[in-house]
Amino acid sequence: MPYIQTTTNVKIDEKKAEVIKAKFGKAIEAFPGKTEAWLMLSFEDEKTMYFKGSDEPCAIADISIYGEVNPAASEKMTALVTEILSEELHISPARIYTKYDGIANWGWNGGNF
């Protein structure tokens, strides 16, 4: 039940969103037991964002995981997300944040896990 919300001040067209979707779908496997089959994504592009006092291209990937966040897996995922956003959106790795939340209660299909 992972969810990745990516917010950026860069435009993400439909073709680019599909490429990032596919790459995130593979990257989520950094977390044991997580696959694209349960991955939900959202993209918020062209937002007014400032980082270090500048509106140069930047992004944050907010990643929610059902259960506890494994530190080794999140380290690997941060590297993958940074690589993907840098490559696909031409954002400097130094201007990309990755945030993790472990969620104890996660609902789906009218009930909770």
PDB file of N, CA and C in Angstrom:
ATOM      1  N   MET A   1       0.817  -1.192   0.000  1.00  0.00           N
ATOM      2  CA  MET A   1       0.000   0.000   0.000  1.00  0.00           C
ATOM      3  C   MET A   1       0.860   1.253   0.000  1.00  0.00           C
ATOM      4  N   PRO A   2       1.857   1.328  -0.824  1.00  0.00           N
ATOM      5  CA  PRO A   2       2.619   2.572  -0.855  1.00  0.00           C
ATOM      6  C   PRO A   2       1.920   3.650  -1.685  1.00  0.00           C
ATOM      7  N   TYR A   3       2.197   4.877  -1.310  1.00  0.00           N
ATOM      8  CA  TYR A   3       1.684   6.044  -2.037  1.00  0.00           C
ATOM      9  C   TYR A   3       2.818   7.041  -2.165  1.00  0.00           C
ATOM     10  N   ILE A   4       3.038   7.541  -3.371  1.00  0.00           N
ATOM     11  CA  ILE A   4       4.070   8.556  -3.596  1.00  0.00           C
ATOM     12  C   ILE A   4       3.409   9.783  -4.207  1.00  0.00           C
ATOM     13  N   GLN A   5       3.500  10.898  -3.494  1.00  0.00           N
ATOM     14  CA  GLN A   5       3.016  12.182  -3.998  1.00  0.00           C
ATOM     15  C   GLN A   5       4.243  13.019  -4.339  1.00  0.00           C
ATOM     16  N   THR A   6       4.368  13.381  -5.597  1.00  0.00           N
ATOM     17  CA  THR A   6       5.492  14.188  -6.045  1.00  0.00           C
ATOM     18  C   THR A   6       4.996  15.592  -6.341  1.00  0.00           C
ATOM     19  N   THR A   7       5.613  16.565  -5.701  1.00  0.00           N
ATOM     20  CA  THR A   7       5.275  17.964  -5.915  1.00  0.00           C
ATOM     21  C   THR A   7       6.512  18.663  -6.440  1.00  0.00           C
ATOM     22  N   THR A   8       6.323  19.463  -7.494  1.00  0.00           N
ATOM     23  CA  THR A   8       7.455  20.143  -8.124  1.00  0.00           C
ATOM     24  C   THR A   8       7.006  21.445  -8.775  1.00  0.00           C
ATOM     25  N   ASN A   9       7.967  22.307  -9.036  1.00  0.00           N
ATOM     26  CA  ASN A   9       7.673  23.534  -9.768  1.00  0.00           C
ATOM     27  C   ASN A   9       7.966  23.373 -11.262  1.00  0.00           C
ATOM     28  N   VAL A  10       8.257  22.146 -11.681  1.00  0.00           N
ATOM     29  CA  VAL A  10       8.539  21.809 -13.079  1.00  0.00           C
ATOM     30  C   VAL A  10       7.277  21.232 -13.706  1.00  0.00           C
ATOM     31  N   LYS A  11       7.078  21.461 -14.986  1.00  0.00           N
ATOM     32  CA  LYS A  11       5.944  20.871 -15.705  1.00  0.00           C
ATOM     33  C   LYS A  11       6.211  19.383 -15.945  1.00  0.00           C
ATOM     34  N   ILE A  12       5.182  18.567 -15.689  1.00  0.00           N
ATOM     35  CA  ILE A  12       5.246  17.139 -15.981  1.00  0.00           C
ATOM     36  C   ILE A  12       4.152  16.846 -17.004  1.00  0.00           C
ATOM     37  N   ASP A  13       4.549  16.660 -18.251  1.00  0.00           N
ATOM     38  CA  ASP A  13       3.537  16.347 -19.260  1.00  0.00           C
ATOM     39  C   ASP A  13       3.119  14.883 -19.137  1.00  0.00           C
ATOM     40  N   GLU A  14       2.096  14.499 -19.882  1.00  0.00           N
ATOM     41  CA  GLU A  14       1.532  13.154 -19.778  1.00  0.00           C
ATOM     42  C   GLU A  14       2.558  12.066 -20.101  1.00  0.00           C
ATOM     43  N   LYS A  15       3.356  12.298 -21.119  1.00  0.00           N
ATOM     44  CA  LYS A  15       4.373  11.311 -21.505  1.00  0.00           C
ATOM     45  C   LYS A  15       5.413  11.147 -20.392  1.00  0.00           C
ATOM     46  N   LYS A  16       5.851  12.262 -19.824  1.00  0.00           N
ATOM     47  CA  LYS A  16       6.850  12.224 -18.751  1.00  0.00           C
ATOM     48  C   LYS A  16       6.262  11.562 -17.506  1.00  0.00           C
ATOM     49  N   ALA A  17       4.987  11.825 -17.205  1.00  0.00           N
ATOM     50  CA  ALA A  17       4.336  11.189 -16.058  1.00  0.00           C
ATOM     51  C   ALA A  17       4.318   9.669 -16.226  1.00  0.00           C
ATOM     52  N   GLU A  18       4.071   9.196 -17.428  1.00  0.00           N
ATOM     53  CA  GLU A  18       4.064   7.751 -17.693  1.00  0.00           C
ATOM     54  C   GLU A  18       5.443   7.136 -17.460  1.00  0.00           C
ATOM     55  N   VAL A  19       6.490   7.842 -17.882  1.00  0.00           N
ATOM     56  CA  VAL A  19       7.856   7.347 -17.691  1.00  0.00           C
ATOM     57  C   VAL A  19       8.195   7.286 -16.199  1.00  0.00           C
ATOM     58  N   ILE A  20       7.882   8.357 -15.479  1.00  0.00           N
ATOM     59  CA  ILE A  20       8.157   8.390 -14.039  1.00  0.00           C
ATOM     60  C   ILE A  20       7.333   7.320 -13.326  1.00  0.00           C
ATOM     61  N   LYS A  21       6.081   7.162 -13.712  1.00  0.00           N
ATOM     62  CA  LYS A  21       5.216   6.131 -13.129  1.00  0.00           C
ATOM     63  C   LYS A  21       5.861   4.755 -13.250  1.00  0.00           C
ATOM     64  N   ALA A  22       6.338   4.436 -14.430  1.00  0.00           N
ATOM     65  CA  ALA A  22       6.957   3.127 -14.652  1.00  0.00           C
ATOM     66  C   ALA A  22       8.226   2.955 -13.809  1.00  0.00           C
ATOM     67  N   LYS A  23       9.020   4.000 -13.728  1.00  0.00           N
ATOM     68  CA  LYS A  23      10.258   3.921 -12.951  1.00  0.00           C
ATOM     69  C   LYS A  23       9.981   3.846 -11.455  1.00  0.00           C
ATOM     70  N   PHE A  24       9.002   4.604 -10.967  1.00  0.00           N
ATOM     71  CA  PHE A  24       8.621   4.515  -9.560  1.00  0.00           C
ATOM     72  C   PHE A  24       8.053   3.124  -9.264  1.00  0.00           C
ATOM     73  N   GLY A  25       7.332   2.547 -10.227  1.00  0.00           N
ATOM     74  CA  GLY A  25       6.767   1.216 -10.058  1.00  0.00           C
ATOM     75  C   GLY A  25       7.835   0.166  -9.817  1.00  0.00           C
ATOM     76  N   LYS A  26       8.976   0.326 -10.453  1.00  0.00           N
ATOM     77  CA  LYS A  26      10.101  -0.582 -10.237  1.00  0.00           C
ATOM     78  C   LYS A  26      10.843  -0.215  -8.949  1.00  0.00           C
ATOM     79  N   ALA A  27      11.026   1.079  -8.706  1.00  0.00           N
ATOM     80  CA  ALA A  27      11.790   1.549  -7.544  1.00  0.00           C
ATOM     81  C   ALA A  27      11.146   1.144  -6.217  1.00  0.00           C
ATOM     82  N   ILE A  28       9.817   1.070  -6.176  1.00  0.00           N
ATOM     83  CA  ILE A  28       9.140   0.762  -4.907  1.00  0.00           C
ATOM     84  C   ILE A  28       9.525  -0.614  -4.385  1.00  0.00           C
ATOM     85  N   GLU A  29      10.060  -1.444  -5.252  1.00  0.00           N
ATOM     86  CA  GLU A  29      10.510  -2.769  -4.831  1.00  0.00           C
ATOM     87  C   GLU A  29      11.714  -2.706  -3.894  1.00  0.00           C
ATOM     88  N   ALA A  30      12.266  -1.507  -3.686  1.00  0.00           N
ATOM     89  CA  ALA A  30      13.321  -1.320  -2.682  1.00  0.00           C
ATOM     90  C   ALA A  30      12.801  -1.695  -1.295  1.00  0.00           C
ATOM     91  N   PHE A  31      11.495  -1.568  -1.105  1.00  0.00           N
ATOM     92  CA  PHE A  31      10.863  -1.952   0.164  1.00  0.00           C
ATOM     93  C   PHE A  31      10.416  -3.404   0.069  1.00  0.00           C
ATOM     94  N   PRO A  32      10.878  -4.241   0.963  1.00  0.00           N
ATOM     95  CA  PRO A  32      10.483  -5.654   0.933  1.00  0.00           C
ATOM     96  C   PRO A  32       8.965  -5.817   0.908  1.00  0.00           C
ATOM     97  N   GLY A  33       8.485  -6.603  -0.042  1.00  0.00           N
ATOM     98  CA  GLY A  33       7.060  -6.890  -0.137  1.00  0.00           C
ATOM     99  C   GLY A  33       6.226  -5.848  -0.852  1.00  0.00           C
ATOM    100  N   LYS A  34       6.819  -4.741  -1.267  1.00  0.00           N
ATOM    101  CA  LYS A  34       6.064  -3.685  -1.946  1.00  0.00           C
ATOM    102  C   LYS A  34       6.270  -3.816  -3.457  1.00  0.00           C
ATOM    103  N   THR A  35       5.168  -3.665  -4.201  1.00  0.00           N
ATOM    104  CA  THR A  35       5.233  -3.763  -5.655  1.00  0.00           C
ATOM    105  C   THR A  35       4.332  -2.701  -6.284  1.00  0.00           C
ATOM    106  N   GLU A  36       4.482  -2.559  -7.575  1.00  0.00           N
ATOM    107  CA  GLU A  36       3.656  -1.611  -8.317  1.00  0.00           C
ATOM    108  C   GLU A  36       2.174  -1.989  -8.252  1.00  0.00           C
ATOM    109  N   ALA A  37       1.888  -3.264  -8.002  1.00  0.00           N
ATOM    110  CA  ALA A  37       0.499  -3.733  -7.962  1.00  0.00           C
ATOM    111  C   ALA A  37      -0.342  -2.966  -6.941  1.00  0.00           C
ATOM    112  N   TRP A  38       0.280  -2.437  -5.889  1.00  0.00           N
ATOM    113  CA  TRP A  38      -0.441  -1.693  -4.858  1.00  0.00           C
ATOM    114  C   TRP A  38      -0.016  -0.233  -4.776  1.00  0.00           C
ATOM    115  N   LEU A  39       0.817   0.209  -5.688  1.00  0.00           N
ATOM    116  CA  LEU A  39       1.358   1.571  -5.645  1.00  0.00           C
ATOM    117  C   LEU A  39       0.369   2.584  -6.211  1.00  0.00           C
ATOM    118  N   MET A  40       0.131   3.647  -5.450  1.00  0.00           N
ATOM    119  CA  MET A  40      -0.658   4.782  -5.922  1.00  0.00           C
ATOM    120  C   MET A  40       0.279   5.975  -6.043  1.00  0.00           C
ATOM    121  N   LEU A  41       0.123   6.722  -7.127  1.00  0.00           N
ATOM    122  CA  LEU A  41       0.965   7.890  -7.388  1.00  0.00           C
ATOM    123  C   LEU A  41       0.107   9.112  -7.651  1.00  0.00           C
ATOM    124  N   SER A  42       0.635  10.271  -7.296  1.00  0.00           N
ATOM    125  CA  SER A  42       0.042  11.530  -7.733  1.00  0.00           C
ATOM    126  C   SER A  42       1.176  12.499  -8.035  1.00  0.00           C
ATOM    127  N   PHE A  43       0.920  13.355  -9.006  1.00  0.00           N
ATOM    128  CA  PHE A  43       1.900  14.357  -9.415  1.00  0.00           C
ATOM    129  C   PHE A  43       1.256  15.736  -9.344  1.00  0.00           C
ATOM    130  N   GLU A  44       1.907  16.633  -8.634  1.00  0.00           N
ATOM    131  CA  GLU A  44       1.483  18.025  -8.578  1.00  0.00           C
ATOM    132  C   GLU A  44       2.614  18.838  -9.183  1.00  0.00           C
ATOM    133  N   ASP A  45       2.397  19.303 -10.402  1.00  0.00           N
ATOM    134  CA  ASP A  45       3.457  20.016 -11.102  1.00  0.00           C
ATOM    135  C   ASP A  45       3.152  21.510 -11.202  1.00  0.00           C
ATOM    136  N   GLU A  46       4.149  22.250 -11.627  1.00  0.00           N
ATOM    137  CA  GLU A  46       4.063  23.700 -11.815  1.00  0.00           C
ATOM    138  C   GLU A  46       3.542  24.437 -10.579  1.00  0.00           C
ATOM    139  N   LYS A  47       3.938  23.966  -9.396  1.00  0.00           N
ATOM    140  CA  LYS A  47       3.573  24.629  -8.150  1.00  0.00           C
ATOM    141  C   LYS A  47       4.565  25.751  -7.852  1.00  0.00           C
ATOM    142  N   THR A  48       4.123  26.758  -7.157  1.00  0.00           N
ATOM    143  CA  THR A  48       5.037  27.790  -6.702  1.00  0.00           C
ATOM    144  C   THR A  48       5.828  27.195  -5.549  1.00  0.00           C
ATOM    145  N   MET A  49       7.137  27.028  -5.780  1.00  0.00           N
ATOM    146  CA  MET A  49       8.000  26.417  -4.761  1.00  0.00           C
ATOM    147  C   MET A  49       9.318  27.161  -4.702  1.00  0.00           C
ATOM    148  N   TYR A  50       9.824  27.303  -3.493  1.00  0.00           N
ATOM    149  CA  TYR A  50      11.135  27.904  -3.271  1.00  0.00           C
ATOM    150  C   TYR A  50      11.941  26.952  -2.409  1.00  0.00           C
ATOM    151  N   PHE A  51      13.196  26.800  -2.741  1.00  0.00           N
ATOM    152  CA  PHE A  51      14.106  25.993  -1.934  1.00  0.00           C
ATOM    153  C   PHE A  51      15.419  26.750  -1.863  1.00  0.00           C
ATOM    154  N   LYS A  52      15.915  26.952  -0.651  1.00  0.00           N
ATOM    155  CA  LYS A  52      17.118  27.743  -0.430  1.00  0.00           C
ATOM    156  C   LYS A  52      16.985  29.144  -1.003  1.00  0.00           C
ATOM    157  N   GLY A  53      15.777  29.700  -0.912  1.00  0.00           N
ATOM    158  CA  GLY A  53      15.519  31.060  -1.356  1.00  0.00           C
ATOM    159  C   GLY A  53      15.389  31.232  -2.850  1.00  0.00           C
ATOM    160  N   SER A  54      15.363  30.139  -3.597  1.00  0.00           N
ATOM    161  CA  SER A  54      15.338  30.204  -5.052  1.00  0.00           C
ATOM    162  C   SER A  54      14.150  29.422  -5.609  1.00  0.00           C
ATOM    163  N   ASP A  55      13.649  29.894  -6.744  1.00  0.00           N
ATOM    164  CA  ASP A  55      12.575  29.163  -7.412  1.00  0.00           C
ATOM    165  C   ASP A  55      13.111  28.304  -8.566  1.00  0.00           C
ATOM    166  N   GLU A  56      14.403  28.005  -8.544  1.00  0.00           N
ATOM    167  CA  GLU A  56      14.967  27.078  -9.522  1.00  0.00           C
ATOM    168  C   GLU A  56      14.264  25.732  -9.370  1.00  0.00           C
ATOM    169  N   PRO A  57      14.318  24.870 -10.400  1.00  0.00           N
ATOM    170  CA  PRO A  57      13.631  23.590 -10.318  1.00  0.00           C
ATOM    171  C   PRO A  57      13.949  22.830  -9.029  1.00  0.00           C
ATOM    172  N   CYS A  58      12.873  22.352  -8.390  1.00  0.00           N
ATOM    173  CA  CYS A  58      13.002  21.570  -7.161  1.00  0.00           C
ATOM    174  C   CYS A  58      11.806  20.635  -7.058  1.00  0.00           C
ATOM    175  N   ALA A  59      11.901  19.669  -6.160  1.00  0.00           N
ATOM    176  CA  ALA A  59      10.813  18.707  -5.978  1.00  0.00           C
ATOM    177  C   ALA A  59      10.899  18.071  -4.606  1.00  0.00           C
ATOM    178  N   ILE A  60       9.744  17.560  -4.160  1.00  0.00           N
ATOM    179  CA  ILE A  60       9.692  16.723  -2.966  1.00  0.00           C
ATOM    180  C   ILE A  60       8.838  15.505  -3.300  1.00  0.00           C
ATOM    181  N   ALA A  61       9.329  14.345  -2.935  1.00  0.00           N
ATOM    182  CA  ALA A  61       8.572  13.104  -3.062  1.00  0.00           C
ATOM    183  C   ALA A  61       8.182  12.679  -1.652  1.00  0.00           C
ATOM    184  N   ASP A  62       6.894  12.670  -1.395  1.00  0.00           N
ATOM    185  CA  ASP A  62       6.352  12.294  -0.090  1.00  0.00           C
ATOM    186  C   ASP A  62       5.866  10.850  -0.202  1.00  0.00           C
ATOM    187  N   ILE A  63       6.556   9.938   0.464  1.00  0.00           N
ATOM    188  CA  ILE A  63       6.309   8.513   0.322  1.00  0.00           C
ATOM    189  C   ILE A  63       5.698   7.956   1.600  1.00  0.00           C
ATOM    190  N   SER A  64       4.501   7.391   1.464  1.00  0.00           N
ATOM    191  CA  SER A  64       3.810   6.764   2.588  1.00  0.00           C
ATOM    192  C   SER A  64       3.844   5.257   2.389  1.00  0.00           C
ATOM    193  N   ILE A  65       4.174   4.547   3.462  1.00  0.00           N
ATOM    194  CA  ILE A  65       4.294   3.094   3.442  1.00  0.00           C
ATOM    195  C   ILE A  65       3.435   2.528   4.571  1.00  0.00           C
ATOM    196  N   TYR A  66       2.659   1.503   4.272  1.00  0.00           N
ATOM    197  CA  TYR A  66       1.902   0.814   5.320  1.00  0.00           C
ATOM    198  C   TYR A  66       2.895   0.047   6.182  1.00  0.00           C
ATOM    199  N   GLY A  67       2.890   0.324   7.456  1.00  0.00           N
ATOM    200  CA  GLY A  67       3.817  -0.314   8.379  1.00  0.00           C
ATOM    201  C   GLY A  67       5.004   0.589   8.657  1.00  0.00           C
ATOM    202  N   GLU A  68       6.047   0.006   9.214  1.00  0.00           N
ATOM    203  CA  GLU A  68       7.244   0.772   9.544  1.00  0.00           C
ATOM    204  C   GLU A  68       8.114   0.967   8.308  1.00  0.00           C
ATOM    205  N   VAL A  69       8.802   2.096   8.271  1.00  0.00           N
ATOM    206  CA  VAL A  69       9.714   2.390   7.173  1.00  0.00           C
ATOM    207  C   VAL A  69      11.081   1.802   7.502  1.00  0.00           C
ATOM    208  N   ASN A  70      11.516   0.876   6.690  1.00  0.00           N
ATOM    209  CA  ASN A  70      12.814   0.228   6.845  1.00  0.00           C
ATOM    210  C   ASN A  70      13.910   1.224   6.467  1.00  0.00           C
ATOM    211  N   PRO A  71      14.843   1.544   7.384  1.00  0.00           N
ATOM    212  CA  PRO A  71      15.881   2.539   7.087  1.00  0.00           C
ATOM    213  C   PRO A  71      16.747   2.195   5.870  1.00  0.00           C
ATOM    214  N   ALA A  72      17.153   0.947   5.729  1.00  0.00           N
ATOM    215  CA  ALA A  72      17.985   0.563   4.581  1.00  0.00           C
ATOM    216  C   ALA A  72      17.201   0.687   3.278  1.00  0.00           C
ATOM    217  N   ALA A  73      15.928   0.294   3.301  1.00  0.00           N
ATOM    218  CA  ALA A  73      15.091   0.394   2.108  1.00  0.00           C
ATOM    219  C   ALA A  73      14.836   1.853   1.742  1.00  0.00           C
ATOM    220  N   SER A  74      14.618   2.699   2.753  1.00  0.00           N
ATOM    221  CA  SER A  74      14.371   4.112   2.452  1.00  0.00           C
ATOM    222  C   SER A  74      15.631   4.786   1.914  1.00  0.00           C
ATOM    223  N   GLU A  75      16.797   4.376   2.380  1.00  0.00           N
ATOM    224  CA  GLU A  75      18.057   4.908   1.848  1.00  0.00           C
ATOM    225  C   GLU A  75      18.181   4.570   0.361  1.00  0.00           C
ATOM    226  N   LYS A  76      17.874   3.323   0.020  1.00  0.00           N
ATOM    227  CA  LYS A  76      17.923   2.891  -1.383  1.00  0.00           C
ATOM    228  C   LYS A  76      16.876   3.632  -2.209  1.00  0.00           C
ATOM    229  N   MET A  77      15.668   3.772  -1.653  1.00  0.00           N
ATOM    230  CA  MET A  77      14.584   4.444  -2.364  1.00  0.00           C
ATOM    231  C   MET A  77      14.906   5.914  -2.599  1.00  0.00           C
ATOM    232  N   THR A  78      15.512   6.569  -1.624  1.00  0.00           N
ATOM    233  CA  THR A  78      15.894   7.969  -1.805  1.00  0.00           C
ATOM    234  C   THR A  78      16.839   8.113  -2.987  1.00  0.00           C
ATOM    235  N   ALA A  79      17.816   7.225  -3.088  1.00  0.00           N
ATOM    236  CA  ALA A  79      18.754   7.272  -4.220  1.00  0.00           C
ATOM    237  C   ALA A  79      18.014   7.075  -5.539  1.00  0.00           C
ATOM    238  N   LEU A  80      17.089   6.131  -5.577  1.00  0.00           N
ATOM    239  CA  LEU A  80      16.344   5.853  -6.810  1.00  0.00           C
ATOM    240  C   LEU A  80      15.429   7.014  -7.194  1.00  0.00           C
ATOM    241  N   VAL A  81      14.686   7.537  -6.242  1.00  0.00           N
ATOM    242  CA  VAL A  81      13.775   8.654  -6.510  1.00  0.00           C
ATOM    243  C   VAL A  81      14.565   9.875  -6.987  1.00  0.00           C
ATOM    244  N   THR A  82      15.672  10.146  -6.327  1.00  0.00           N
ATOM    245  CA  THR A  82      16.510  11.281  -6.721  1.00  0.00           C
ATOM    246  C   THR A  82      17.016  11.106  -8.148  1.00  0.00           C
ATOM    247  N   GLU A  83      17.477   9.910  -8.455  1.00  0.00           N
ATOM    248  CA  GLU A  83      17.967   9.627  -9.808  1.00  0.00           C
ATOM    249  C   GLU A  83      16.855   9.805 -10.847  1.00  0.00           C
ATOM    250  N   ILE A  84      15.682   9.289 -10.560  1.00  0.00           N
ATOM    251  CA  ILE A  84      14.561   9.371 -11.493  1.00  0.00           C
ATOM    252  C   ILE A  84      14.144  10.820 -11.725  1.00  0.00           C
ATOM    253  N   LEU A  85      13.924  11.577 -10.657  1.00  0.00           N
ATOM    254  CA  LEU A  85      13.473  12.955 -10.808  1.00  0.00           C
ATOM    255  C   LEU A  85      14.546  13.833 -11.443  1.00  0.00           C
ATOM    256  N   SER A  86      15.798  13.580 -11.110  1.00  0.00           N
ATOM    257  CA  SER A  86      16.894  14.336 -11.709  1.00  0.00           C
ATOM    258  C   SER A  86      16.973  14.068 -13.209  1.00  0.00           C
ATOM    259  N   GLU A  87      16.907  12.798 -13.562  1.00  0.00           N
ATOM    260  CA  GLU A  87      17.017  12.413 -14.974  1.00  0.00           C
ATOM    261  C   GLU A  87      15.808  12.855 -15.796  1.00  0.00           C
ATOM    262  N   GLU A  88      14.628  12.632 -15.276  1.00  0.00           N
ATOM    263  CA  GLU A  88      13.415  12.883 -16.053  1.00  0.00           C
ATOM    264  C   GLU A  88      12.950  14.342 -16.039  1.00  0.00           C
ATOM    265  N   LEU A  89      13.203  15.049 -14.936  1.00  0.00           N
ATOM    266  CA  LEU A  89      12.729  16.435 -14.822  1.00  0.00           C
ATOM    267  C   LEU A  89      13.870  17.451 -14.834  1.00  0.00           C
ATOM    268  N   HIS A  90      15.088  16.963 -14.943  1.00  0.00           N
ATOM    269  CA  HIS A  90      16.267  17.837 -14.997  1.00  0.00           C
ATOM    270  C   HIS A  90      16.362  18.739 -13.767  1.00  0.00           C
ATOM    271  N   ILE A  91      16.174  18.105 -12.612  1.00  0.00           N
ATOM    272  CA  ILE A  91      16.293  18.800 -11.334  1.00  0.00           C
ATOM    273  C   ILE A  91      17.580  18.336 -10.675  1.00  0.00           C
ATOM    274  N   SER A  92      18.358  19.270 -10.176  1.00  0.00           N
ATOM    275  CA  SER A  92      19.588  18.920  -9.480  1.00  0.00           C
ATOM    276  C   SER A  92      19.271  18.045  -8.267  1.00  0.00           C
ATOM    277  N   PRO A  93      20.027  16.975  -8.045  1.00  0.00           N
ATOM    278  CA  PRO A  93      19.808  16.141  -6.859  1.00  0.00           C
ATOM    279  C   PRO A  93      19.838  16.936  -5.556  1.00  0.00           C
ATOM    280  N   ALA A  94      20.595  18.019  -5.530  1.00  0.00           N
ATOM    281  CA  ALA A  94      20.688  18.855  -4.336  1.00  0.00           C
ATOM    282  C   ALA A  94      19.421  19.679  -4.097  1.00  0.00           C
ATOM    283  N   ARG A  95      18.451  19.581  -5.021  1.00  0.00           N
ATOM    284  CA  ARG A  95      17.202  20.334  -4.891  1.00  0.00           C
ATOM    285  C   ARG A  95      15.988  19.393  -4.838  1.00  0.00           C
ATOM    286  N   ILE A  96      16.232  18.162  -4.387  1.00  0.00           N
ATOM    287  CA  ILE A  96      15.165  17.162  -4.266  1.00  0.00           C
ATOM    288  C   ILE A  96      15.125  16.645  -2.827  1.00  0.00           C
ATOM    289  N   TYR A  97      13.968  16.754  -2.219  1.00  0.00           N
ATOM    290  CA  TYR A  97      13.722  16.164  -0.909  1.00  0.00           C
ATOM    291  C   TYR A  97      12.919  14.880  -1.092  1.00  0.00           C
ATOM    292  N   THR A  98      13.145  13.933  -0.199  1.00  0.00           N
ATOM    293  CA  THR A  98      12.345  12.720  -0.129  1.00  0.00           C
ATOM    294  C   THR A  98      11.929  12.549   1.324  1.00  0.00           C
ATOM    295  N   LYS A  99      10.635  12.378   1.546  1.00  0.00           N
ATOM    296  CA  LYS A  99      10.079  12.292   2.899  1.00  0.00           C
ATOM    297  C   LYS A  99       9.328  10.973   3.040  1.00  0.00           C
ATOM    298  N   TYR A 100       9.430  10.351   4.212  1.00  0.00           N
ATOM    299  CA  TYR A 100       8.792   9.055   4.450  1.00  0.00           C
ATOM    300  C   TYR A 100       7.856   9.111   5.649  1.00  0.00           C
ATOM    301  N   ASP A 101       6.740   8.421   5.507  1.00  0.00           N
ATOM    302  CA  ASP A 101       5.806   8.238   6.612  1.00  0.00           C
ATOM    303  C   ASP A 101       5.433   6.768   6.674  1.00  0.00           C
ATOM    304  N   GLY A 102       5.589   6.175   7.852  1.00  0.00           N
ATOM    305  CA  GLY A 102       5.087   4.826   8.093  1.00  0.00           C
ATOM    306  C   GLY A 102       3.685   4.947   8.659  1.00  0.00           C
ATOM    307  N   ILE A 103       2.737   4.267   8.048  1.00  0.00           N
ATOM    308  CA  ILE A 103       1.330   4.400   8.423  1.00  0.00           C
ATOM    309  C   ILE A 103       0.847   3.120   9.104  1.00  0.00           C
ATOM    310  N   ALA A 104       0.323   3.254  10.317  1.00  0.00           N
ATOM    311  CA  ALA A 104      -0.146   2.090  11.072  1.00  0.00           C
ATOM    312  C   ALA A 104      -1.536   1.638  10.628  1.00  0.00           C
ATOM    313  N   ASN A 105      -2.377   2.584  10.251  1.00  0.00           N
ATOM    314  CA  ASN A 105      -3.745   2.259   9.848  1.00  0.00           C
ATOM    315  C   ASN A 105      -3.961   2.703   8.406  1.00  0.00           C
ATOM    316  N   TRP A 106      -4.262   1.740   7.547  1.00  0.00           N
ATOM    317  CA  TRP A 106      -4.411   2.029   6.122  1.00  0.00           C
ATOM    318  C   TRP A 106      -5.696   1.361   5.653  1.00  0.00           C
ATOM    319  N   GLY A 107      -6.576   2.154   5.063  1.00  0.00           N
ATOM    320  CA  GLY A 107      -7.851   1.632   4.607  1.00  0.00           C
ATOM    321  C   GLY A 107      -7.874   1.394   3.105  1.00  0.00           C
ATOM    322  N   TRP A 108      -8.643   0.405   2.712  1.00  0.00           N
ATOM    323  CA  TRP A 108      -8.837   0.089   1.302  1.00  0.00           C
ATOM    324  C   TRP A 108     -10.107  -0.746   1.154  1.00  0.00           C
ATOM    325  N   ASN A 109     -10.838  -0.487   0.130  1.00  0.00           N
ATOM    326  CA  ASN A 109     -12.001  -1.301  -0.229  1.00  0.00           C
ATOM    327  C   ASN A 109     -13.025  -1.391   0.912  1.00  0.00           C
ATOM    328  N   GLY A 110     -13.186  -0.277   1.613  1.00  0.00           N
ATOM    329  CA  GLY A 110     -14.189  -0.207   2.668  1.00  0.00           C
ATOM    330  C   GLY A 110     -13.770  -0.745   4.018  1.00  0.00           C
ATOM    331  N   GLY A 111     -12.504  -1.125   4.158  1.00  0.00           N
ATOM    332  CA  GLY A 111     -12.015  -1.644   5.440  1.00  0.00           C
ATOM    333  C   GLY A 111     -10.579  -1.256   5.667  1.00  0.00           C
ATOM    334  N   ASN A 112     -10.041  -1.651   6.795  1.00  0.00           N
ATOM    335  CA  ASN A 112      -8.642  -1.363   7.122  1.00  0.00           C
ATOM    336  C   ASN A 112      -7.837  -2.654   7.175  1.00  0.00           C
ATOM    337  N   PHE A 113      -6.567  -2.507   6.858  1.00  0.00           N
ATOM    338  CA  PHE A 113      -5.648  -3.650   6.953  1.00  0.00           C
ATOM    339  C   PHE A 113      -5.281  -3.866   8.392  1.00  0.00           C
TER     340      PHE A 113
END
